[in-house]
Amino acid sequence: MFNNSIKIMFFFILISGLLIIMSSNSWLGAWMGLEINMLSFIPLMSNENNMLTTEASLKYFLIQALASSILLFLIISSSFNENMFTMYLSLMKTFLVTPLLLKSGVAPMHWWFPSVMEGLSWMNCLILLTIQKMAPLMLISYTITFNNYIFYMIIITSVAVGAVGGLNQTSLRKIITYSSINHLGWLLIAMKVSENMWISYFLIYSLLTSTVISIIYPSQISMINQTFQLTKNKIIKLMMFSSLLSLGGLPPFTGFLPKWIIIQVMMANKILILSSIMVVMSLITLYYYLRISYSSFIMMNSEIKWNYQTNNEISKTSLMLTILSVMGLMSLTMMFNLF
């Protein structure tokens, strides 16, 4: 992943910050873990060959520092009135979740997310989409008892922005970013179901995102029209677009499994309007994934041979991840039917 010993050190510090958050029994300790996590990720974002990383790292630092300052202010102000280890006051939990939503990029506090993603390398995009979301989402799950109406409005906004925002995008980074915002809405409703549900959803989402980026990374493509460069290796193209459709939640791929379970639980609990909105928005997300796949698979296209740069080798990691992301739901269905 990293060919620099300093960046490897910062990556391990980033993981240690995440472990501090997971093992902390106070909000002040969780805030310290968030700071370690944020300050160790900024050096990983820097790249001498890409000038956009400087702008992206500055934007990321300002947004995360603002969210951390608000979080620390709320922690200290609440400690004057109650125990810092508990925070039973529901109104304080409502305020406390706001900087955590800003850190994770949940709509309507998502404005920084697409522009930061556009300036990062693919490996840093993977870290920002997966590892950097674990800590704030974990802390949000502790404060999930806030007002249901506010909670449902945040979910509807996230799935709507994630669906509509990716419609007219031509950058693959922004498409994956808006898809991530849509998935965050599903993750928040999964927290209402159970702790195991949102963790399972997040693991499957991380698997699918890792699959897509592991296929895109060797070719270093950034725009939709560059996917036509993959035509000389049909297997890589099939792997890439199958993983994208799985990330969008198309049955019978693995990405449909957690959404299927969440929809069943919501229907059992009579949450009909919210589930209908989420399904419709998920279909819009699937639309722009299908549009990319159809235009690349079916339409005729011309290639500029002197501008052709691609890697025709299929890594074993990408192949294994693609099999898991595409065949996971069918394999689980067969296992349940047999045993």
C-alpha atoms as a PDB file:
ATOM      1  CA  MET A   1       0.000   0.000   0.000  1.00  0.00           C
ATOM      2  CA  PHE A   2       2.743   2.464   1.002  1.00  0.00           C
ATOM      3  CA  ASN A   3       6.355   2.354  -0.197  1.00  0.00           C
ATOM      4  CA  ASN A   4       7.573   4.870   2.381  1.00  0.00           C
ATOM      5  CA  SER A   5       8.588   3.847   5.903  1.00  0.00           C
ATOM      6  CA  ILE A   6       7.325   7.167   7.347  1.00  0.00           C
ATOM      7  CA  LYS A   7       3.886   6.643   5.825  1.00  0.00           C
ATOM      8  CA  ILE A   8       3.805   3.075   7.151  1.00  0.00           C
ATOM      9  CA  MET A   9       4.520   4.488  10.634  1.00  0.00           C
ATOM     10  CA  PHE A  10       1.690   7.037  10.290  1.00  0.00           C
ATOM     11  CA  PHE A  11      -0.649   4.288   9.105  1.00  0.00           C
ATOM     12  CA  PHE A  12       0.021   2.258  12.262  1.00  0.00           C
ATOM     13  CA  ILE A  13      -0.521   5.412  14.368  1.00  0.00           C
ATOM     14  CA  LEU A  14      -3.855   5.837  12.553  1.00  0.00           C
ATOM     15  CA  ILE A  15      -4.839   2.294  13.505  1.00  0.00           C
ATOM     16  CA  SER A  16      -3.721   2.891  17.098  1.00  0.00           C
ATOM     17  CA  GLY A  17      -5.984   5.961  17.281  1.00  0.00           C
ATOM     18  CA  LEU A  18      -8.877   3.779  16.151  1.00  0.00           C
ATOM     19  CA  LEU A  19      -8.044   1.204  18.847  1.00  0.00           C
ATOM     20  CA  ILE A  20      -7.955   3.969  21.484  1.00  0.00           C
ATOM     21  CA  ILE A  21     -11.485   5.000  20.484  1.00  0.00           C
ATOM     22  CA  MET A  22     -12.717   1.403  20.610  1.00  0.00           C
ATOM     23  CA  SER A  23     -11.251   0.791  24.085  1.00  0.00           C
ATOM     24  CA  SER A  24     -12.075   4.182  25.613  1.00  0.00           C
ATOM     25  CA  ASN A  25     -14.616   4.351  28.444  1.00  0.00           C
ATOM     26  CA  SER A  26     -15.010   8.154  28.415  1.00  0.00           C
ATOM     27  CA  TRP A  27     -15.848  10.750  25.792  1.00  0.00           C
ATOM     28  CA  LEU A  28     -12.616  12.621  26.474  1.00  0.00           C
ATOM     29  CA  GLY A  29     -10.603   9.488  25.668  1.00  0.00           C
ATOM     30  CA  ALA A  30     -12.647   9.011  22.489  1.00  0.00           C
ATOM     31  CA  TRP A  31     -11.888  12.624  21.512  1.00  0.00           C
ATOM     32  CA  MET A  32      -8.158  11.971  21.984  1.00  0.00           C
ATOM     33  CA  GLY A  33      -8.399   8.918  19.741  1.00  0.00           C
ATOM     34  CA  LEU A  34     -10.178  10.969  17.076  1.00  0.00           C
ATOM     35  CA  GLU A  35      -7.400  13.566  17.170  1.00  0.00           C
ATOM     36  CA  ILE A  36      -4.658  10.943  16.830  1.00  0.00           C
ATOM     37  CA  ASN A  37      -6.577   9.360  13.981  1.00  0.00           C
ATOM     38  CA  MET A  38      -7.020  12.670  12.148  1.00  0.00           C
ATOM     39  CA  LEU A  39      -3.468  13.984  12.607  1.00  0.00           C
ATOM     40  CA  SER A  40      -1.922  10.707  11.429  1.00  0.00           C
ATOM     41  CA  PHE A  41      -4.055  10.609   8.258  1.00  0.00           C
ATOM     42  CA  ILE A  42      -3.033  14.075   7.014  1.00  0.00           C
ATOM     43  CA  PRO A  43       0.631  13.067   6.318  1.00  0.00           C
ATOM     44  CA  LEU A  44      -0.664  10.041   4.417  1.00  0.00           C
ATOM     45  CA  MET A  45      -2.639  12.352   2.120  1.00  0.00           C
ATOM     46  CA  SER A  46       0.433  14.273   0.918  1.00  0.00           C
ATOM     47  CA  ASN A  47       1.850  13.383  -2.481  1.00  0.00           C
ATOM     48  CA  GLU A  48       4.611  15.287  -4.281  1.00  0.00           C
ATOM     49  CA  ASN A  49       3.340  14.162  -7.705  1.00  0.00           C
ATOM     50  CA  ASN A  50      -0.185  15.495  -7.176  1.00  0.00           C
ATOM     51  CA  MET A  51      -0.786  19.141  -6.302  1.00  0.00           C
ATOM     52  CA  LEU A  52      -4.463  18.512  -5.501  1.00  0.00           C
ATOM     53  CA  THR A  53      -3.510  16.627  -2.333  1.00  0.00           C
ATOM     54  CA  THR A  54      -2.393  19.866  -0.630  1.00  0.00           C
ATOM     55  CA  GLU A  55      -5.827  21.414  -1.114  1.00  0.00           C
ATOM     56  CA  ALA A  56      -7.577  18.202  -0.085  1.00  0.00           C
ATOM     57  CA  SER A  57      -5.480  17.791   3.084  1.00  0.00           C
ATOM     58  CA  LEU A  58      -6.103  21.441   4.087  1.00  0.00           C
ATOM     59  CA  LYS A  59      -9.873  21.054   3.595  1.00  0.00           C
ATOM     60  CA  TYR A  60      -9.860  17.799   5.533  1.00  0.00           C
ATOM     61  CA  PHE A  61      -7.866  19.326   8.398  1.00  0.00           C
ATOM     62  CA  LEU A  62     -10.131  22.390   8.705  1.00  0.00           C
ATOM     63  CA  ILE A  63     -13.361  20.363   8.713  1.00  0.00           C
ATOM     64  CA  GLN A  64     -12.067  17.727  11.135  1.00  0.00           C
ATOM     65  CA  ALA A  65     -10.553  20.365  13.437  1.00  0.00           C
ATOM     66  CA  LEU A  66     -13.879  22.250  13.482  1.00  0.00           C
ATOM     67  CA  ALA A  67     -15.791  19.062  14.324  1.00  0.00           C
ATOM     68  CA  SER A  68     -13.266  18.112  17.027  1.00  0.00           C
ATOM     69  CA  SER A  69     -13.483  21.588  18.589  1.00  0.00           C
ATOM     70  CA  ILE A  70     -17.287  21.414  18.756  1.00  0.00           C
ATOM     71  CA  LEU A  71     -17.108  17.901  20.199  1.00  0.00           C
ATOM     72  CA  LEU A  72     -14.600  18.923  22.890  1.00  0.00           C
ATOM     73  CA  PHE A  73     -16.721  21.971  23.790  1.00  0.00           C
ATOM     74  CA  LEU A  74     -19.822  19.789  24.216  1.00  0.00           C
ATOM     75  CA  ILE A  75     -17.911  17.211  26.275  1.00  0.00           C
ATOM     76  CA  ILE A  76     -16.511  19.833  28.652  1.00  0.00           C
ATOM     77  CA  SER A  77     -19.802  21.737  28.966  1.00  0.00           C
ATOM     78  CA  SER A  78     -21.713  18.562  29.764  1.00  0.00           C
ATOM     79  CA  SER A  79     -19.135  17.487  32.347  1.00  0.00           C
ATOM     80  CA  PHE A  80     -20.062  20.506  34.518  1.00  0.00           C
ATOM     81  CA  ASN A  81     -23.589  19.161  34.908  1.00  0.00           C
ATOM     82  CA  GLU A  82     -23.169  15.396  34.895  1.00  0.00           C
ATOM     83  CA  ASN A  83     -20.675  12.580  34.850  1.00  0.00           C
ATOM     84  CA  MET A  84     -18.448  12.585  31.759  1.00  0.00           C
ATOM     85  CA  PHE A  85     -18.650   8.799  31.597  1.00  0.00           C
ATOM     86  CA  THR A  86     -22.434   8.619  31.194  1.00  0.00           C
ATOM     87  CA  MET A  87     -24.125  11.606  29.493  1.00  0.00           C
ATOM     88  CA  TYR A  88     -27.705  10.592  30.139  1.00  0.00           C
ATOM     89  CA  LEU A  89     -29.184  13.871  28.938  1.00  0.00           C
ATOM     90  CA  SER A  90     -30.944  13.161  25.617  1.00  0.00           C
ATOM     91  CA  LEU A  91     -30.693  16.763  24.418  1.00  0.00           C
ATOM     92  CA  MET A  92     -26.925  16.719  24.926  1.00  0.00           C
ATOM     93  CA  LYS A  93     -26.737  13.506  22.896  1.00  0.00           C
ATOM     94  CA  THR A  94     -28.580  15.261  20.071  1.00  0.00           C
ATOM     95  CA  PHE A  95     -25.979  18.036  20.081  1.00  0.00           C
ATOM     96  CA  LEU A  96     -23.131  15.574  20.541  1.00  0.00           C
ATOM     97  CA  VAL A  97     -23.966  13.619  17.390  1.00  0.00           C
ATOM     98  CA  THR A  98     -23.670  16.727  15.157  1.00  0.00           C
ATOM     99  CA  PRO A  99     -19.833  16.917  15.010  1.00  0.00           C
ATOM    100  CA  LEU A 100     -19.691  13.143  14.585  1.00  0.00           C
ATOM    101  CA  LEU A 101     -21.999  13.379  11.571  1.00  0.00           C
ATOM    102  CA  LEU A 102     -19.753  16.129  10.200  1.00  0.00           C
ATOM    103  CA  LYS A 103     -16.682  13.934  10.647  1.00  0.00           C
ATOM    104  CA  SER A 104     -18.257  10.963   8.857  1.00  0.00           C
ATOM    105  CA  GLY A 105     -19.640  13.041   5.956  1.00  0.00           C
ATOM    106  CA  VAL A 106     -23.337  12.331   6.494  1.00  0.00           C
ATOM    107  CA  ALA A 107     -25.717  14.663   4.630  1.00  0.00           C
ATOM    108  CA  PRO A 108     -26.541  17.531   5.079  1.00  0.00           C
ATOM    109  CA  MET A 109     -22.975  17.969   6.441  1.00  0.00           C
ATOM    110  CA  HIS A 110     -21.335  16.359   3.449  1.00  0.00           C
ATOM    111  CA  TRP A 111     -20.180  19.412   1.452  1.00  0.00           C
ATOM    112  CA  TRP A 112     -16.484  18.770   2.115  1.00  0.00           C
ATOM    113  CA  PHE A 113     -16.533  15.071   1.264  1.00  0.00           C
ATOM    114  CA  PRO A 114     -16.607  15.040  -2.603  1.00  0.00           C
ATOM    115  CA  SER A 115     -14.000  17.787  -3.001  1.00  0.00           C
ATOM    116  CA  VAL A 116     -11.590  16.096  -0.576  1.00  0.00           C
ATOM    117  CA  MET A 117     -12.037  12.738  -2.301  1.00  0.00           C
ATOM    118  CA  GLU A 118     -11.316  14.284  -5.702  1.00  0.00           C
ATOM    119  CA  GLY A 119      -7.816  15.313  -4.613  1.00  0.00           C
ATOM    120  CA  LEU A 120      -6.724  11.991  -3.079  1.00  0.00           C
ATOM    121  CA  SER A 121      -5.015   8.935  -4.509  1.00  0.00           C
ATOM    122  CA  TRP A 122      -7.062   5.744  -4.726  1.00  0.00           C
ATOM    123  CA  MET A 123      -5.419   4.163  -1.669  1.00  0.00           C
ATOM    124  CA  ASN A 124      -6.110   7.249   0.439  1.00  0.00           C
ATOM    125  CA  CYS A 125      -9.682   7.251  -0.911  1.00  0.00           C
ATOM    126  CA  LEU A 126     -10.033   3.693   0.374  1.00  0.00           C
ATOM    127  CA  ILE A 127      -8.786   4.710   3.840  1.00  0.00           C
ATOM    128  CA  LEU A 128     -11.132   7.711   3.944  1.00  0.00           C
ATOM    129  CA  LEU A 129     -14.136   5.618   2.848  1.00  0.00           C
ATOM    130  CA  THR A 130     -13.552   2.731   5.262  1.00  0.00           C
ATOM    131  CA  ILE A 131     -11.124   3.112   8.190  1.00  0.00           C
ATOM    132  CA  GLN A 132     -11.758   6.830   8.785  1.00  0.00           C
ATOM    133  CA  LYS A 133     -15.515   6.247   9.034  1.00  0.00           C
ATOM    134  CA  MET A 134     -15.293   3.512  11.672  1.00  0.00           C
ATOM    135  CA  ALA A 135     -14.556   5.796  14.647  1.00  0.00           C
ATOM    136  CA  PRO A 136     -17.316   8.434  14.172  1.00  0.00           C
ATOM    137  CA  LEU A 137     -19.882   5.767  13.257  1.00  0.00           C
ATOM    138  CA  MET A 138     -18.983   3.803  16.383  1.00  0.00           C
ATOM    139  CA  LEU A 139     -19.494   6.902  18.547  1.00  0.00           C
ATOM    140  CA  ILE A 140     -22.763   7.714  16.731  1.00  0.00           C
ATOM    141  CA  SER A 141     -24.034   4.233  17.613  1.00  0.00           C
ATOM    142  CA  TYR A 142     -23.541   5.097  21.314  1.00  0.00           C
ATOM    143  CA  THR A 143     -25.776   8.188  20.952  1.00  0.00           C
ATOM    144  CA  ILE A 144     -28.458   6.642  18.770  1.00  0.00           C
ATOM    145  CA  THR A 145     -31.255   7.387  21.257  1.00  0.00           C
ATOM    146  CA  PHE A 146     -31.753  10.966  20.039  1.00  0.00           C
ATOM    147  CA  ASN A 147     -35.064  12.256  18.635  1.00  0.00           C
ATOM    148  CA  ASN A 148     -36.549   9.947  16.012  1.00  0.00           C
ATOM    149  CA  TYR A 149     -37.764  12.756  13.752  1.00  0.00           C
ATOM    150  CA  ILE A 150     -34.302  14.309  13.555  1.00  0.00           C
ATOM    151  CA  PHE A 151     -32.832  10.868  13.013  1.00  0.00           C
ATOM    152  CA  TYR A 152     -35.223  10.033  10.165  1.00  0.00           C
ATOM    153  CA  MET A 153     -34.669  13.408   8.488  1.00  0.00           C
ATOM    154  CA  ILE A 154     -30.896  12.815   8.498  1.00  0.00           C
ATOM    155  CA  ILE A 155     -31.410   9.362   6.958  1.00  0.00           C
ATOM    156  CA  ILE A 156     -33.740  10.674   4.225  1.00  0.00           C
ATOM    157  CA  THR A 157     -31.336  13.529   3.436  1.00  0.00           C
ATOM    158  CA  SER A 158     -28.368  11.142   3.202  1.00  0.00           C
ATOM    159  CA  VAL A 159     -30.028   8.642   0.872  1.00  0.00           C
ATOM    160  CA  ALA A 160     -31.482  11.457  -1.274  1.00  0.00           C
ATOM    161  CA  VAL A 161     -28.218  13.398  -1.608  1.00  0.00           C
ATOM    162  CA  GLY A 162     -26.277  10.185  -2.281  1.00  0.00           C
ATOM    163  CA  ALA A 163     -28.722   9.182  -5.009  1.00  0.00           C
ATOM    164  CA  VAL A 164     -29.308  12.509  -6.764  1.00  0.00           C
ATOM    165  CA  GLY A 165     -25.770  13.833  -6.341  1.00  0.00           C
ATOM    166  CA  GLY A 166     -24.183  11.050  -8.380  1.00  0.00           C
ATOM    167  CA  LEU A 167     -26.485  11.319 -11.401  1.00  0.00           C
ATOM    168  CA  ASN A 168     -24.539  13.835 -13.528  1.00  0.00           C
ATOM    169  CA  GLN A 169     -21.043  12.982 -12.313  1.00  0.00           C
ATOM    170  CA  THR A 170     -18.299  11.861 -14.684  1.00  0.00           C
ATOM    171  CA  SER A 171     -15.599  11.316 -12.041  1.00  0.00           C
ATOM    172  CA  LEU A 172     -15.393   7.829 -10.570  1.00  0.00           C
ATOM    173  CA  ARG A 173     -14.200   9.257  -7.247  1.00  0.00           C
ATOM    174  CA  LYS A 174     -17.282  11.456  -6.911  1.00  0.00           C
ATOM    175  CA  ILE A 175     -19.601   8.631  -7.959  1.00  0.00           C
ATOM    176  CA  ILE A 176     -18.155   6.373  -5.248  1.00  0.00           C
ATOM    177  CA  THR A 177     -18.330   9.292  -2.783  1.00  0.00           C
ATOM    178  CA  TYR A 178     -22.045   9.918  -3.361  1.00  0.00           C
ATOM    179  CA  SER A 179     -22.642   6.182  -3.187  1.00  0.00           C
ATOM    180  CA  SER A 180     -20.891   6.229   0.202  1.00  0.00           C
ATOM    181  CA  ILE A 181     -23.210   9.034   1.404  1.00  0.00           C
ATOM    182  CA  ASN A 182     -26.176   6.895   0.330  1.00  0.00           C
ATOM    183  CA  HIS A 183     -24.757   3.912   2.215  1.00  0.00           C
ATOM    184  CA  LEU A 184     -24.308   6.067   5.332  1.00  0.00           C
ATOM    185  CA  GLY A 185     -28.075   6.577   5.399  1.00  0.00           C
ATOM    186  CA  TRP A 186     -28.556   2.805   5.360  1.00  0.00           C
ATOM    187  CA  LEU A 187     -25.886   2.435   8.061  1.00  0.00           C
ATOM    188  CA  LEU A 188     -27.728   4.862  10.339  1.00  0.00           C
ATOM    189  CA  ILE A 189     -30.991   2.945  10.061  1.00  0.00           C
ATOM    190  CA  ALA A 190     -29.038  -0.281  10.621  1.00  0.00           C
ATOM    191  CA  MET A 191     -27.911   1.168  13.974  1.00  0.00           C
ATOM    192  CA  LYS A 192     -31.567   1.317  15.020  1.00  0.00           C
ATOM    193  CA  VAL A 193     -31.931  -2.383  14.199  1.00  0.00           C
ATOM    194  CA  SER A 194     -29.008  -3.722  16.237  1.00  0.00           C
ATOM    195  CA  GLU A 195     -25.295  -3.280  16.831  1.00  0.00           C
ATOM    196  CA  ASN A 196     -24.452  -6.453  14.929  1.00  0.00           C
ATOM    197  CA  MET A 197     -26.503  -5.264  11.955  1.00  0.00           C
ATOM    198  CA  TRP A 198     -24.646  -2.022  11.337  1.00  0.00           C
ATOM    199  CA  ILE A 199     -21.259  -3.698  11.907  1.00  0.00           C
ATOM    200  CA  SER A 200     -22.164  -6.398   9.369  1.00  0.00           C
ATOM    201  CA  TYR A 201     -23.373  -3.754   6.907  1.00  0.00           C
ATOM    202  CA  PHE A 202     -20.178  -1.743   7.352  1.00  0.00           C
ATOM    203  CA  LEU A 203     -17.977  -4.828   6.820  1.00  0.00           C
ATOM    204  CA  ILE A 204     -19.813  -5.736   3.605  1.00  0.00           C
ATOM    205  CA  TYR A 205     -19.644  -2.109   2.418  1.00  0.00           C
ATOM    206  CA  SER A 206     -15.885  -2.025   3.169  1.00  0.00           C
ATOM    207  CA  LEU A 207     -15.416  -5.287   1.249  1.00  0.00           C
ATOM    208  CA  LEU A 208     -17.249  -3.945  -1.806  1.00  0.00           C
ATOM    209  CA  THR A 209     -15.408  -0.608  -1.754  1.00  0.00           C
ATOM    210  CA  SER A 210     -12.059  -2.391  -1.401  1.00  0.00           C
ATOM    211  CA  THR A 211     -12.961  -4.601  -4.355  1.00  0.00           C
ATOM    212  CA  VAL A 212     -13.802  -1.677  -6.654  1.00  0.00           C
ATOM    213  CA  ILE A 213     -10.704   0.323  -5.704  1.00  0.00           C
ATOM    214  CA  SER A 214      -8.367  -2.705  -5.961  1.00  0.00           C
ATOM    215  CA  ILE A 215      -9.517  -3.134  -9.579  1.00  0.00           C
ATOM    216  CA  ILE A 216      -9.356   0.586 -10.465  1.00  0.00           C
ATOM    217  CA  TYR A 217      -6.013   1.257  -8.746  1.00  0.00           C
ATOM    218  CA  PRO A 218      -3.653  -0.635 -11.151  1.00  0.00           C
ATOM    219  CA  SER A 219      -5.146   1.141 -14.189  1.00  0.00           C
ATOM    220  CA  GLN A 220      -5.182   4.575 -12.449  1.00  0.00           C
ATOM    221  CA  ILE A 221      -8.391   5.628 -14.175  1.00  0.00           C
ATOM    222  CA  SER A 222     -10.367   8.565 -12.794  1.00  0.00           C
ATOM    223  CA  MET A 223     -13.176   9.320 -15.264  1.00  0.00           C
ATOM    224  CA  ILE A 224     -16.005   7.248 -16.735  1.00  0.00           C
ATOM    225  CA  ASN A 225     -14.748   7.526 -20.331  1.00  0.00           C
ATOM    226  CA  GLN A 226     -11.412   6.053 -19.257  1.00  0.00           C
ATOM    227  CA  THR A 227     -13.137   2.771 -18.440  1.00  0.00           C
ATOM    228  CA  PHE A 228     -13.127   2.113 -22.198  1.00  0.00           C
ATOM    229  CA  GLN A 229      -9.393   1.527 -21.842  1.00  0.00           C
ATOM    230  CA  LEU A 230     -10.192  -1.781 -20.161  1.00  0.00           C
ATOM    231  CA  THR A 231     -11.648  -3.276 -23.340  1.00  0.00           C
ATOM    232  CA  LYS A 232      -8.503  -5.300 -24.127  1.00  0.00           C
ATOM    233  CA  ASN A 233      -8.989  -7.278 -20.931  1.00  0.00           C
ATOM    234  CA  LYS A 234     -12.628  -8.268 -20.710  1.00  0.00           C
ATOM    235  CA  ILE A 235     -12.177 -10.088 -17.386  1.00  0.00           C
ATOM    236  CA  ILE A 236     -10.979  -6.940 -15.602  1.00  0.00           C
ATOM    237  CA  LYS A 237     -13.916  -4.998 -17.041  1.00  0.00           C
ATOM    238  CA  LEU A 238     -16.366  -7.709 -15.941  1.00  0.00           C
ATOM    239  CA  MET A 239     -14.845  -7.734 -12.448  1.00  0.00           C
ATOM    240  CA  MET A 240     -15.018  -3.955 -12.145  1.00  0.00           C
ATOM    241  CA  PHE A 241     -18.612  -3.451 -13.228  1.00  0.00           C
ATOM    242  CA  SER A 242     -19.901  -6.504 -11.355  1.00  0.00           C
ATOM    243  CA  SER A 243     -18.350  -5.061  -8.198  1.00  0.00           C
ATOM    244  CA  LEU A 244     -19.897  -1.648  -8.939  1.00  0.00           C
ATOM    245  CA  LEU A 245     -23.334  -3.195  -9.352  1.00  0.00           C
ATOM    246  CA  SER A 246     -22.830  -5.109  -6.118  1.00  0.00           C
ATOM    247  CA  LEU A 247     -21.884  -1.832  -4.395  1.00  0.00           C
ATOM    248  CA  GLY A 248     -25.130  -0.354  -5.711  1.00  0.00           C
ATOM    249  CA  GLY A 249     -27.117  -3.227  -4.178  1.00  0.00           C
ATOM    250  CA  LEU A 250     -28.294  -5.103  -7.271  1.00  0.00           C
ATOM    251  CA  PRO A 251     -29.596  -8.608  -6.508  1.00  0.00           C
ATOM    252  CA  PRO A 252     -28.293 -11.314  -6.509  1.00  0.00           C
ATOM    253  CA  PHE A 253     -24.935  -9.744  -5.577  1.00  0.00           C
ATOM    254  CA  THR A 254     -23.583  -9.492  -2.028  1.00  0.00           C
ATOM    255  CA  GLY A 255     -24.389  -5.775  -1.692  1.00  0.00           C
ATOM    256  CA  PHE A 256     -28.101  -6.592  -1.756  1.00  0.00           C
ATOM    257  CA  LEU A 257     -27.905  -8.816   1.369  1.00  0.00           C
ATOM    258  CA  PRO A 258     -27.694  -6.148   4.144  1.00  0.00           C
ATOM    259  CA  LYS A 259     -30.276  -3.932   2.412  1.00  0.00           C
ATOM    260  CA  TRP A 260     -32.607  -6.908   2.128  1.00  0.00           C
ATOM    261  CA  ILE A 261     -32.351  -7.608   5.871  1.00  0.00           C
ATOM    262  CA  ILE A 262     -32.855  -3.941   6.800  1.00  0.00           C
ATOM    263  CA  ILE A 263     -35.915  -3.640   4.539  1.00  0.00           C
ATOM    264  CA  GLN A 264     -37.433  -6.774   6.130  1.00  0.00           C
ATOM    265  CA  VAL A 265     -36.897  -5.403   9.659  1.00  0.00           C
ATOM    266  CA  MET A 266     -38.342  -1.999   8.712  1.00  0.00           C
ATOM    267  CA  MET A 267     -41.413  -3.611   7.153  1.00  0.00           C
ATOM    268  CA  ALA A 268     -41.904  -5.762  10.266  1.00  0.00           C
ATOM    269  CA  ASN A 269     -41.763  -2.615  12.439  1.00  0.00           C
ATOM    270  CA  LYS A 270     -44.278  -0.785  10.175  1.00  0.00           C
ATOM    271  CA  ILE A 271     -41.762   1.868   9.067  1.00  0.00           C
ATOM    272  CA  LEU A 272     -43.328   1.937   5.610  1.00  0.00           C
ATOM    273  CA  ILE A 273     -42.804   5.508   4.369  1.00  0.00           C
ATOM    274  CA  LEU A 274     -39.120   5.628   5.265  1.00  0.00           C
ATOM    275  CA  SER A 275     -38.446   2.207   3.764  1.00  0.00           C
ATOM    276  CA  SER A 276     -40.210   3.212   0.519  1.00  0.00           C
ATOM    277  CA  ILE A 277     -38.119   6.394   0.229  1.00  0.00           C
ATOM    278  CA  MET A 278     -34.891   4.482   0.869  1.00  0.00           C
ATOM    279  CA  VAL A 279     -35.717   1.824  -1.721  1.00  0.00           C
ATOM    280  CA  VAL A 280     -36.547   4.443  -4.376  1.00  0.00           C
ATOM    281  CA  MET A 281     -33.316   6.344  -3.683  1.00  0.00           C
ATOM    282  CA  SER A 282     -31.360   3.109  -3.819  1.00  0.00           C
ATOM    283  CA  LEU A 283     -32.874   2.448  -7.254  1.00  0.00           C
ATOM    284  CA  ILE A 284     -31.628   5.858  -8.430  1.00  0.00           C
ATOM    285  CA  THR A 285     -28.143   4.891  -7.212  1.00  0.00           C
ATOM    286  CA  LEU A 286     -28.427   1.663  -9.158  1.00  0.00           C
ATOM    287  CA  TYR A 287     -29.491   3.624 -12.229  1.00  0.00           C
ATOM    288  CA  TYR A 288     -26.237   5.516 -12.631  1.00  0.00           C
ATOM    289  CA  TYR A 289     -24.214   2.357 -11.987  1.00  0.00           C
ATOM    290  CA  LEU A 290     -26.212   0.511 -14.646  1.00  0.00           C
ATOM    291  CA  ARG A 291     -25.785   3.452 -17.015  1.00  0.00           C
ATOM    292  CA  ILE A 292     -21.996   3.238 -16.685  1.00  0.00           C
ATOM    293  CA  SER A 293     -22.020  -0.536 -17.103  1.00  0.00           C
ATOM    294  CA  TYR A 294     -24.289  -0.536 -20.171  1.00  0.00           C
ATOM    295  CA  SER A 295     -22.340   2.182 -21.946  1.00  0.00           C
ATOM    296  CA  SER A 296     -19.092   0.305 -21.392  1.00  0.00           C
ATOM    297  CA  PHE A 297     -20.324  -3.230 -22.123  1.00  0.00           C
ATOM    298  CA  ILE A 298     -22.812  -2.760 -24.966  1.00  0.00           C
ATOM    299  CA  MET A 299     -22.092   0.496 -26.809  1.00  0.00           C
ATOM    300  CA  MET A 300     -19.460   0.685 -29.516  1.00  0.00           C
ATOM    301  CA  ASN A 301     -16.515   2.880 -28.598  1.00  0.00           C
ATOM    302  CA  SER A 302     -13.272   4.025 -30.181  1.00  0.00           C
ATOM    303  CA  GLU A 303      -9.874   3.822 -28.525  1.00  0.00           C
ATOM    304  CA  ILE A 304      -6.789   5.975 -28.951  1.00  0.00           C
ATOM    305  CA  LYS A 305      -3.970   3.461 -29.106  1.00  0.00           C
ATOM    306  CA  TRP A 306      -1.130   5.874 -28.328  1.00  0.00           C
ATOM    307  CA  ASN A 307      -2.921   6.962 -25.159  1.00  0.00           C
ATOM    308  CA  TYR A 308      -3.530   3.419 -24.026  1.00  0.00           C
ATOM    309  CA  GLN A 309      -2.211   2.689 -20.555  1.00  0.00           C
ATOM    310  CA  THR A 310      -3.509  -0.194 -18.543  1.00  0.00           C
ATOM    311  CA  ASN A 311      -2.389  -3.160 -16.532  1.00  0.00           C
ATOM    312  CA  ASN A 312      -3.547  -6.428 -18.066  1.00  0.00           C
ATOM    313  CA  GLU A 313      -2.489  -8.526 -15.081  1.00  0.00           C
ATOM    314  CA  ILE A 314      -5.239  -9.649 -12.725  1.00  0.00           C
ATOM    315  CA  SER A 315      -4.078  -9.688  -9.113  1.00  0.00           C
ATOM    316  CA  LYS A 316      -5.157 -12.601  -6.950  1.00  0.00           C
ATOM    317  CA  THR A 317      -6.434 -10.193  -4.275  1.00  0.00           C
ATOM    318  CA  SER A 318      -8.728  -8.397  -6.733  1.00  0.00           C
ATOM    319  CA  LEU A 319     -10.026 -11.704  -8.095  1.00  0.00           C
ATOM    320  CA  MET A 320     -10.745 -13.069  -4.610  1.00  0.00           C
ATOM    321  CA  LEU A 321     -12.487  -9.864  -3.498  1.00  0.00           C
ATOM    322  CA  THR A 322     -14.579  -9.826  -6.683  1.00  0.00           C
ATOM    323  CA  ILE A 323     -15.723 -13.406  -6.103  1.00  0.00           C
ATOM    324  CA  LEU A 324     -16.760 -12.486  -2.540  1.00  0.00           C
ATOM    325  CA  SER A 325     -18.579  -9.331  -3.645  1.00  0.00           C
ATOM    326  CA  VAL A 326     -20.397 -11.027  -6.531  1.00  0.00           C
ATOM    327  CA  MET A 327     -21.035 -14.558  -5.278  1.00  0.00           C
ATOM    328  CA  GLY A 328     -21.476 -13.895  -1.548  1.00  0.00           C
ATOM    329  CA  LEU A 329     -25.290 -13.758  -1.479  1.00  0.00           C
ATOM    330  CA  MET A 330     -25.692 -16.834  -3.675  1.00  0.00           C
ATOM    331  CA  SER A 331     -23.164 -18.783  -1.572  1.00  0.00           C
ATOM    332  CA  LEU A 332     -24.931 -17.851   1.684  1.00  0.00           C
ATOM    333  CA  THR A 333     -28.320 -18.815   0.216  1.00  0.00           C
ATOM    334  CA  MET A 334     -26.978 -22.220  -0.809  1.00  0.00           C
ATOM    335  CA  MET A 335     -25.451 -22.750   2.662  1.00  0.00           C
ATOM    336  CA  PHE A 336     -28.730 -21.911   4.430  1.00  0.00           C
ATOM    337  CA  ASN A 337     -30.684 -24.208   2.116  1.00  0.00           C
ATOM    338  CA  LEU A 338     -28.263 -27.092   2.587  1.00  0.00           C
ATOM    339  CA  PHE A 339     -27.751 -26.835   6.335  1.00  0.00           C
END
